[in-house]
């Protein structure tokens, strides 16, 4: 899987940095290793609507605690929630802990809508799992745009609402 993706990136002249590391299923796992990599770190959420008819890949900052109820209201979508591991495999062909924008490579039907937090879109480069969580690929913003075009995906910038923490 990963080799096919990396070959695709090379074939289409999308330059990338490649880092191998122990399995990183969450942003917290990466924090524990203090890995030095270029590019913006991302939190990747695979979501679905209440009816399971629409699926979304949202990338945001690892520090954000996303308010899914507010996001649902903001985008006028019925109760956005986390999609199951089965849906993740069906639509993106990956396991939990391996989610990144590069998984759109496996979405040949363009069934998954891609959302990017407006705050994270300011970065020049992005860290992404290449379909496995034992490596990281860093792609520049222009190369991400080309990748999306090549895979038949559009993107939507969203202002990701955060869960309000109670005042102490």
C-alpha atoms as a PDB file:
ATOM      1  CA  UNK A   1       0.000   0.000   0.000  1.00  0.00           C
ATOM      2  CA  UNK A   2       2.578   2.530   1.123  1.00  0.00           C
ATOM      3  CA  UNK A   3       4.904   1.655  -1.762  1.00  0.00           C
ATOM      4  CA  UNK A   4       2.124   2.256  -4.303  1.00  0.00           C
ATOM      5  CA  UNK A   5       1.397   5.659  -2.776  1.00  0.00           C
ATOM      6  CA  UNK A   6       5.063   6.672  -2.697  1.00  0.00           C
ATOM      7  CA  UNK A   7       5.462   5.549  -6.317  1.00  0.00           C
ATOM      8  CA  UNK A   8       2.426   7.677  -7.213  1.00  0.00           C
ATOM      9  CA  UNK A   9       3.992  10.728  -5.542  1.00  0.00           C
ATOM     10  CA  UNK A  10       7.304  10.175  -7.338  1.00  0.00           C
ATOM     11  CA  UNK A  11       5.627   9.503 -10.697  1.00  0.00           C
ATOM     12  CA  UNK A  12       3.743  12.801 -10.461  1.00  0.00           C
ATOM     13  CA  UNK A  13       6.869  14.646  -9.315  1.00  0.00           C
ATOM     14  CA  UNK A  14       5.487  15.548  -5.912  1.00  0.00           C
ATOM     15  CA  UNK A  15       8.624  16.001  -3.794  1.00  0.00           C
ATOM     16  CA  UNK A  16       8.407  14.823  -0.194  1.00  0.00           C
ATOM     17  CA  UNK A  17      10.474  14.182   2.887  1.00  0.00           C
ATOM     18  CA  UNK A  18      10.164  10.697   4.378  1.00  0.00           C
ATOM     19  CA  UNK A  19      10.682   9.705   8.019  1.00  0.00           C
ATOM     20  CA  UNK A  20      10.374   6.251   9.565  1.00  0.00           C
ATOM     21  CA  UNK A  21       9.486   5.926  13.254  1.00  0.00           C
ATOM     22  CA  UNK A  22       7.751   3.634  15.754  1.00  0.00           C
ATOM     23  CA  UNK A  23       3.955   3.322  15.287  1.00  0.00           C
ATOM     24  CA  UNK A  24       2.169   6.601  16.074  1.00  0.00           C
ATOM     25  CA  UNK A  25      -1.587   6.167  16.383  1.00  0.00           C
ATOM     26  CA  UNK A  26      -2.266   9.553  17.995  1.00  0.00           C
ATOM     27  CA  UNK A  27      -0.749  13.013  18.297  1.00  0.00           C
ATOM     28  CA  UNK A  28       0.019  12.176  21.943  1.00  0.00           C
ATOM     29  CA  UNK A  29       2.122   9.198  20.794  1.00  0.00           C
ATOM     30  CA  UNK A  30       4.160  11.536  18.588  1.00  0.00           C
ATOM     31  CA  UNK A  31       4.575  14.017  21.446  1.00  0.00           C
ATOM     32  CA  UNK A  32       6.135  11.316  23.635  1.00  0.00           C
ATOM     33  CA  UNK A  33       8.869  10.652  21.052  1.00  0.00           C
ATOM     34  CA  UNK A  34       9.787  14.322  20.509  1.00  0.00           C
ATOM     35  CA  UNK A  35      10.373  13.669  16.808  1.00  0.00           C
ATOM     36  CA  UNK A  36      11.986  16.449  14.821  1.00  0.00           C
ATOM     37  CA  UNK A  37      10.248  16.769  11.455  1.00  0.00           C
ATOM     38  CA  UNK A  38       9.497  19.725   9.232  1.00  0.00           C
ATOM     39  CA  UNK A  39       5.946  20.747   8.324  1.00  0.00           C
ATOM     40  CA  UNK A  40       2.813  21.302  10.350  1.00  0.00           C
ATOM     41  CA  UNK A  41       1.656  18.508  12.611  1.00  0.00           C
ATOM     42  CA  UNK A  42      -1.932  17.547  11.957  1.00  0.00           C
ATOM     43  CA  UNK A  43      -4.860  15.965  13.739  1.00  0.00           C
ATOM     44  CA  UNK A  44      -6.842  13.860  11.257  1.00  0.00           C
ATOM     45  CA  UNK A  45     -10.475  13.001  11.974  1.00  0.00           C
ATOM     46  CA  UNK A  46     -12.597  10.658   9.857  1.00  0.00           C
ATOM     47  CA  UNK A  47     -16.222  11.659  10.334  1.00  0.00           C
ATOM     48  CA  UNK A  48     -19.704  10.838   9.053  1.00  0.00           C
ATOM     49  CA  UNK A  49     -23.118  12.444   9.101  1.00  0.00           C
ATOM     50  CA  UNK A  50     -25.965  11.086  11.231  1.00  0.00           C
ATOM     51  CA  UNK A  51     -27.273   8.914   8.395  1.00  0.00           C
ATOM     52  CA  UNK A  52     -23.899   7.521   7.306  1.00  0.00           C
ATOM     53  CA  UNK A  53     -24.459   8.821   3.780  1.00  0.00           C
ATOM     54  CA  UNK A  54     -21.700  11.423   3.829  1.00  0.00           C
ATOM     55  CA  UNK A  55     -18.141  10.973   5.037  1.00  0.00           C
ATOM     56  CA  UNK A  56     -15.571  13.637   5.819  1.00  0.00           C
ATOM     57  CA  UNK A  57     -11.857  13.829   6.458  1.00  0.00           C
ATOM     58  CA  UNK A  58     -11.055  16.834   8.636  1.00  0.00           C
ATOM     59  CA  UNK A  59      -7.524  17.995   9.282  1.00  0.00           C
ATOM     60  CA  UNK A  60      -6.862  20.465  12.047  1.00  0.00           C
ATOM     61  CA  UNK A  61      -4.262  21.348  14.634  1.00  0.00           C
ATOM     62  CA  UNK A  62      -3.411  18.700  17.254  1.00  0.00           C
ATOM     63  CA  UNK A  63      -4.099  21.264  19.975  1.00  0.00           C
ATOM     64  CA  UNK A  64      -7.733  21.810  18.963  1.00  0.00           C
ATOM     65  CA  UNK A  65     -10.545  20.014  20.742  1.00  0.00           C
ATOM     66  CA  UNK A  66     -13.124  19.992  17.952  1.00  0.00           C
ATOM     67  CA  UNK A  67     -16.730  20.751  18.897  1.00  0.00           C
ATOM     68  CA  UNK A  68     -18.582  18.385  16.544  1.00  0.00           C
ATOM     69  CA  UNK A  69     -22.026  19.696  17.563  1.00  0.00           C
ATOM     70  CA  UNK A  70     -21.027  23.251  16.689  1.00  0.00           C
ATOM     71  CA  UNK A  71     -19.389  22.046  13.465  1.00  0.00           C
ATOM     72  CA  UNK A  72     -22.623  20.259  12.519  1.00  0.00           C
ATOM     73  CA  UNK A  73     -24.632  23.440  13.078  1.00  0.00           C
ATOM     74  CA  UNK A  74     -22.079  25.600  11.271  1.00  0.00           C
ATOM     75  CA  UNK A  75     -22.092  23.390   8.159  1.00  0.00           C
ATOM     76  CA  UNK A  76     -25.819  22.491   8.347  1.00  0.00           C
ATOM     77  CA  UNK A  77     -25.077  18.765   8.471  1.00  0.00           C
ATOM     78  CA  UNK A  78     -27.096  16.441  10.655  1.00  0.00           C
ATOM     79  CA  UNK A  79     -25.074  15.331  13.703  1.00  0.00           C
ATOM     80  CA  UNK A  80     -21.500  14.882  12.592  1.00  0.00           C
ATOM     81  CA  UNK A  81     -19.765  12.096  14.505  1.00  0.00           C
ATOM     82  CA  UNK A  82     -16.795   9.791  14.313  1.00  0.00           C
ATOM     83  CA  UNK A  83     -16.985   7.085  11.667  1.00  0.00           C
ATOM     84  CA  UNK A  84     -16.324   3.461  12.601  1.00  0.00           C
ATOM     85  CA  UNK A  85     -13.170   1.513  11.824  1.00  0.00           C
ATOM     86  CA  UNK A  86     -15.229  -0.465   9.308  1.00  0.00           C
ATOM     87  CA  UNK A  87     -16.213   2.718   7.455  1.00  0.00           C
ATOM     88  CA  UNK A  88     -12.616   3.935   7.593  1.00  0.00           C
ATOM     89  CA  UNK A  89     -11.461   0.745   5.916  1.00  0.00           C
ATOM     90  CA  UNK A  90     -14.318   0.768   3.391  1.00  0.00           C
ATOM     91  CA  UNK A  91     -13.824   4.372   2.252  1.00  0.00           C
ATOM     92  CA  UNK A  92     -10.103   5.020   2.799  1.00  0.00           C
ATOM     93  CA  UNK A  93      -8.644   1.513   2.903  1.00  0.00           C
ATOM     94  CA  UNK A  94      -6.706   2.078   6.120  1.00  0.00           C
ATOM     95  CA  UNK A  95      -6.766   1.144   9.788  1.00  0.00           C
ATOM     96  CA  UNK A  96      -7.377   3.506  12.740  1.00  0.00           C
ATOM     97  CA  UNK A  97      -4.223   5.425  13.598  1.00  0.00           C
ATOM     98  CA  UNK A  98      -3.180   5.720   9.944  1.00  0.00           C
ATOM     99  CA  UNK A  99      -5.522   8.530   8.905  1.00  0.00           C
ATOM    100  CA  UNK A 100      -4.113  11.418   6.885  1.00  0.00           C
ATOM    101  CA  UNK A 101      -4.954  13.360   3.759  1.00  0.00           C
ATOM    102  CA  UNK A 102      -2.829  10.864   1.807  1.00  0.00           C
ATOM    103  CA  UNK A 103      -5.508   8.221   2.479  1.00  0.00           C
ATOM    104  CA  UNK A 104      -7.617  10.040  -0.126  1.00  0.00           C
ATOM    105  CA  UNK A 105      -5.376   8.148  -2.571  1.00  0.00           C
ATOM    106  CA  UNK A 106      -7.527   5.078  -1.803  1.00  0.00           C
ATOM    107  CA  UNK A 107     -10.839   6.949  -2.269  1.00  0.00           C
ATOM    108  CA  UNK A 108     -11.170   6.328  -5.991  1.00  0.00           C
ATOM    109  CA  UNK A 109     -14.887   7.185  -5.974  1.00  0.00           C
ATOM    110  CA  UNK A 110     -14.265  10.583  -4.322  1.00  0.00           C
ATOM    111  CA  UNK A 111     -16.846   9.593  -1.724  1.00  0.00           C
ATOM    112  CA  UNK A 112     -15.039  11.372   1.126  1.00  0.00           C
ATOM    113  CA  UNK A 113     -15.325  15.135   1.455  1.00  0.00           C
ATOM    114  CA  UNK A 114     -12.091  16.812   2.529  1.00  0.00           C
ATOM    115  CA  UNK A 115     -12.127  19.646   5.062  1.00  0.00           C
ATOM    116  CA  UNK A 116      -9.133  21.701   6.125  1.00  0.00           C
ATOM    117  CA  UNK A 117      -9.126  23.918   9.176  1.00  0.00           C
ATOM    118  CA  UNK A 118      -8.552  27.455   7.955  1.00  0.00           C
ATOM    119  CA  UNK A 119      -5.987  27.935  10.754  1.00  0.00           C
ATOM    120  CA  UNK A 120      -3.832  24.987   9.619  1.00  0.00           C
ATOM    121  CA  UNK A 121      -4.068  25.974   5.937  1.00  0.00           C
ATOM    122  CA  UNK A 122      -1.650  28.828   6.670  1.00  0.00           C
ATOM    123  CA  UNK A 123       1.257  26.338   6.917  1.00  0.00           C
ATOM    124  CA  UNK A 124       3.736  25.818   4.074  1.00  0.00           C
ATOM    125  CA  UNK A 125       4.054  22.042   4.511  1.00  0.00           C
ATOM    126  CA  UNK A 126       2.140  19.204   6.192  1.00  0.00           C
ATOM    127  CA  UNK A 127       3.053  15.985   7.976  1.00  0.00           C
ATOM    128  CA  UNK A 128       1.017  12.999   6.762  1.00  0.00           C
ATOM    129  CA  UNK A 129       0.995   9.252   7.382  1.00  0.00           C
ATOM    130  CA  UNK A 130       1.583   7.437   4.069  1.00  0.00           C
ATOM    131  CA  UNK A 131      -1.238   4.893   4.709  1.00  0.00           C
ATOM    132  CA  UNK A 132       0.703   3.446   7.661  1.00  0.00           C
ATOM    133  CA  UNK A 133       1.526   4.937  11.045  1.00  0.00           C
ATOM    134  CA  UNK A 134       5.193   3.867  11.058  1.00  0.00           C
ATOM    135  CA  UNK A 135       6.264   6.672   8.733  1.00  0.00           C
ATOM    136  CA  UNK A 136       5.608  10.323   8.025  1.00  0.00           C
ATOM    137  CA  UNK A 137       5.691  12.090   4.687  1.00  0.00           C
ATOM    138  CA  UNK A 138       6.026  15.871   4.554  1.00  0.00           C
ATOM    139  CA  UNK A 139       4.466  17.566   1.524  1.00  0.00           C
ATOM    140  CA  UNK A 140       4.463  21.248   0.639  1.00  0.00           C
ATOM    141  CA  UNK A 141       1.133  23.047   0.302  1.00  0.00           C
ATOM    142  CA  UNK A 142       1.355  23.313  -3.499  1.00  0.00           C
ATOM    143  CA  UNK A 143       2.096  19.591  -3.692  1.00  0.00           C
ATOM    144  CA  UNK A 144      -0.904  18.841  -1.470  1.00  0.00           C
ATOM    145  CA  UNK A 145      -3.066  20.830  -3.882  1.00  0.00           C
ATOM    146  CA  UNK A 146      -1.657  18.892  -6.834  1.00  0.00           C
ATOM    147  CA  UNK A 147      -2.196  15.592  -4.977  1.00  0.00           C
ATOM    148  CA  UNK A 148      -5.844  16.499  -4.339  1.00  0.00           C
ATOM    149  CA  UNK A 149      -6.342  17.377  -8.002  1.00  0.00           C
ATOM    150  CA  UNK A 150      -4.709  14.129  -9.145  1.00  0.00           C
ATOM    151  CA  UNK A 151      -6.911  12.050  -6.832  1.00  0.00           C
ATOM    152  CA  UNK A 152     -10.100  13.884  -7.836  1.00  0.00           C
ATOM    153  CA  UNK A 153     -10.685  15.599  -4.493  1.00  0.00           C
ATOM    154  CA  UNK A 154     -11.647  19.153  -3.767  1.00  0.00           C
ATOM    155  CA  UNK A 155     -11.184  20.758  -0.384  1.00  0.00           C
ATOM    156  CA  UNK A 156     -13.253  23.025   1.788  1.00  0.00           C
ATOM    157  CA  UNK A 157     -11.717  25.446   4.258  1.00  0.00           C
ATOM    158  CA  UNK A 158     -13.643  25.448   7.535  1.00  0.00           C
ATOM    159  CA  UNK A 159     -13.401  27.463  10.703  1.00  0.00           C
ATOM    160  CA  UNK A 160     -13.192  24.582  13.168  1.00  0.00           C
ATOM    161  CA  UNK A 161     -15.062  25.364  16.402  1.00  0.00           C
ATOM    162  CA  UNK A 162     -13.475  24.259  19.653  1.00  0.00           C
ATOM    163  CA  UNK A 163     -15.022  22.828  22.775  1.00  0.00           C
ATOM    164  CA  UNK A 164     -15.167  25.570  25.377  1.00  0.00           C
ATOM    165  CA  UNK A 165     -13.303  24.618  28.523  1.00  0.00           C
ATOM    166  CA  UNK A 166     -15.064  25.681  31.734  1.00  0.00           C
ATOM    167  CA  UNK A 167     -13.401  28.537  33.582  1.00  0.00           C
ATOM    168  CA  UNK A 168     -11.595  27.467  36.729  1.00  0.00           C
END
